[in-house]
Amino acid sequence: QYLCIYICNELIVLLGVMLYLVHVQQLYWYRYSSWKNGIVHSQLWVFMKIQSKMANQHGNLDNLKNVLDERKNNTHDVSLDTTSYDKKGRRKEYQQGH
């Protein structure tokens, strides 16, 4: 009889403690998950910023490449010329052209 009451009390206490722990755990989990979501959102934001910056840089690089290609194709521009020269110092492209 006494043992039964003791076990019942223990079970009730255990149940209460477990419920309390679950409640606390849920609270902490809620806070942690919201905090984690905040971090994830900020990381995503930073990532998006970096992506846009990289995209802009990519565009700039493409523009630079286009400019360089234009200058290379333009034989009259001496500043960025990669064509070869013959022995007299004339450009071979020029020689072929004229």
Protein backbone atom coordinates (compact mmCIF):
# COMPACT_ATOMS: atom_id res chain seq x y z
CA GLN A 1 0.00 0.00 0.00
CA TYR A 2 2.66 2.50 1.09
CA LEU A 3 4.96 1.36 -1.73
CA CYS A 4 2.22 1.99 -4.30
CA ILE A 5 1.69 5.56 -3.07
CA TYR A 6 5.47 6.11 -3.10
CA ILE A 7 5.77 4.83 -6.71
CA CYS A 8 2.74 6.90 -7.77
CA ASN A 9 4.28 10.01 -6.22
CA GLU A 10 7.59 9.27 -7.92
CA LEU A 11 5.83 8.81 -11.25
CA ILE A 12 3.90 12.07 -10.83
CA VAL A 13 7.09 13.92 -9.91
CA LEU A 14 8.91 12.33 -12.84
CA LEU A 15 6.06 13.24 -15.19
CA GLY A 16 6.08 16.80 -13.87
CA VAL A 17 9.85 17.08 -14.28
CA MET A 18 9.65 15.64 -17.79
CA LEU A 19 6.86 18.01 -18.76
CA TYR A 20 8.83 20.91 -17.27
CA LEU A 21 11.96 19.84 -19.17
CA VAL A 22 10.01 19.49 -22.40
CA HIS A 23 8.50 22.94 -21.84
CA VAL A 24 11.90 24.50 -21.13
CA GLN A 25 13.41 22.64 -24.07
CA GLN A 26 10.66 23.94 -26.34
CA LEU A 27 11.24 27.47 -25.09
CA TYR A 28 14.97 27.19 -25.61
CA TRP A 29 14.48 25.52 -28.96
CA TYR A 30 12.16 28.29 -30.05
CA ARG A 31 14.65 30.94 -29.05
CA TYR A 32 17.54 29.01 -30.55
CA SER A 33 15.72 28.33 -33.79
CA SER A 34 14.68 31.96 -34.18
CA TRP A 35 18.25 33.05 -33.38
CA LYS A 36 19.55 30.48 -35.86
CA ASN A 37 17.09 31.72 -38.48
CA GLY A 38 18.34 35.25 -37.84
CA ILE A 39 21.91 34.10 -38.41
CA VAL A 40 20.89 32.18 -41.52
CA HIS A 41 19.05 35.24 -42.84
CA SER A 42 22.03 37.50 -42.23
CA GLN A 43 24.35 34.95 -43.85
CA LEU A 44 22.01 34.73 -46.83
CA TRP A 45 21.94 38.52 -47.03
CA VAL A 46 25.75 38.70 -46.95
CA PHE A 47 25.91 35.91 -49.52
CA MET A 48 23.49 37.77 -51.79
CA LYS A 49 25.53 40.95 -51.41
CA ILE A 50 28.72 39.06 -52.28
CA GLN A 51 26.97 37.43 -55.24
CA SER A 52 25.79 40.80 -56.56
CA LYS A 53 29.28 42.26 -56.06
CA MET A 54 30.82 39.33 -57.88
CA ALA A 55 28.28 39.71 -60.66
CA ASN A 56 29.15 43.40 -60.94
CA GLN A 57 32.86 42.58 -61.02
CA HIS A 58 32.16 39.95 -63.64
CA GLY A 59 30.39 42.56 -65.72
CA ASN A 60 33.31 44.96 -65.27
CA LEU A 61 35.75 42.24 -66.27
CA ASP A 62 33.67 41.48 -69.35
CA ASN A 63 33.65 45.18 -70.24
CA LEU A 64 37.41 45.37 -69.76
CA LYS A 65 37.84 42.28 -71.92
CA ASN A 66 35.68 43.81 -74.63
CA VAL A 67 37.72 47.02 -74.49
CA LEU A 68 40.95 45.04 -74.73
CA ASP A 69 39.59 43.01 -77.64
CA GLU A 70 38.52 46.20 -79.40
CA ARG A 71 41.95 47.70 -78.90
CA LYS A 72 43.63 44.53 -80.09
CA ASN A 73 41.46 44.43 -83.20
CA ASN A 74 42.12 48.11 -83.82
CA THR A 75 45.55 47.99 -85.50
CA HIS A 76 46.06 51.76 -85.36
CA ASP A 77 46.12 51.72 -81.56
CA VAL A 78 49.71 51.17 -80.48
CA SER A 79 49.21 51.33 -76.72
CA LEU A 80 47.80 47.81 -76.28
CA ASP A 81 49.11 45.98 -79.27
CA THR A 82 50.13 42.33 -79.24
CA THR A 83 50.87 41.89 -82.94
CA SER A 84 54.27 40.75 -84.11
CA TYR A 85 56.71 42.91 -86.04
CA ASP A 86 58.92 42.12 -88.96
CA LYS A 87 62.65 42.94 -89.16
CA LYS A 88 62.11 46.52 -90.34
CA GLY A 89 59.81 47.23 -87.40
CA ARG A 90 56.63 47.25 -89.43
CA ARG A 91 53.63 45.37 -88.13
CA LYS A 92 52.95 42.13 -89.94
CA GLU A 93 49.20 42.79 -89.88
CA TYR A 94 49.87 46.13 -91.52
CA GLN A 95 52.09 44.49 -94.09
CA GLN A 96 49.35 42.01 -94.95
CA GLY A 97 46.73 44.75 -94.99
CA HIS A 98 48.57 47.10 -97.32
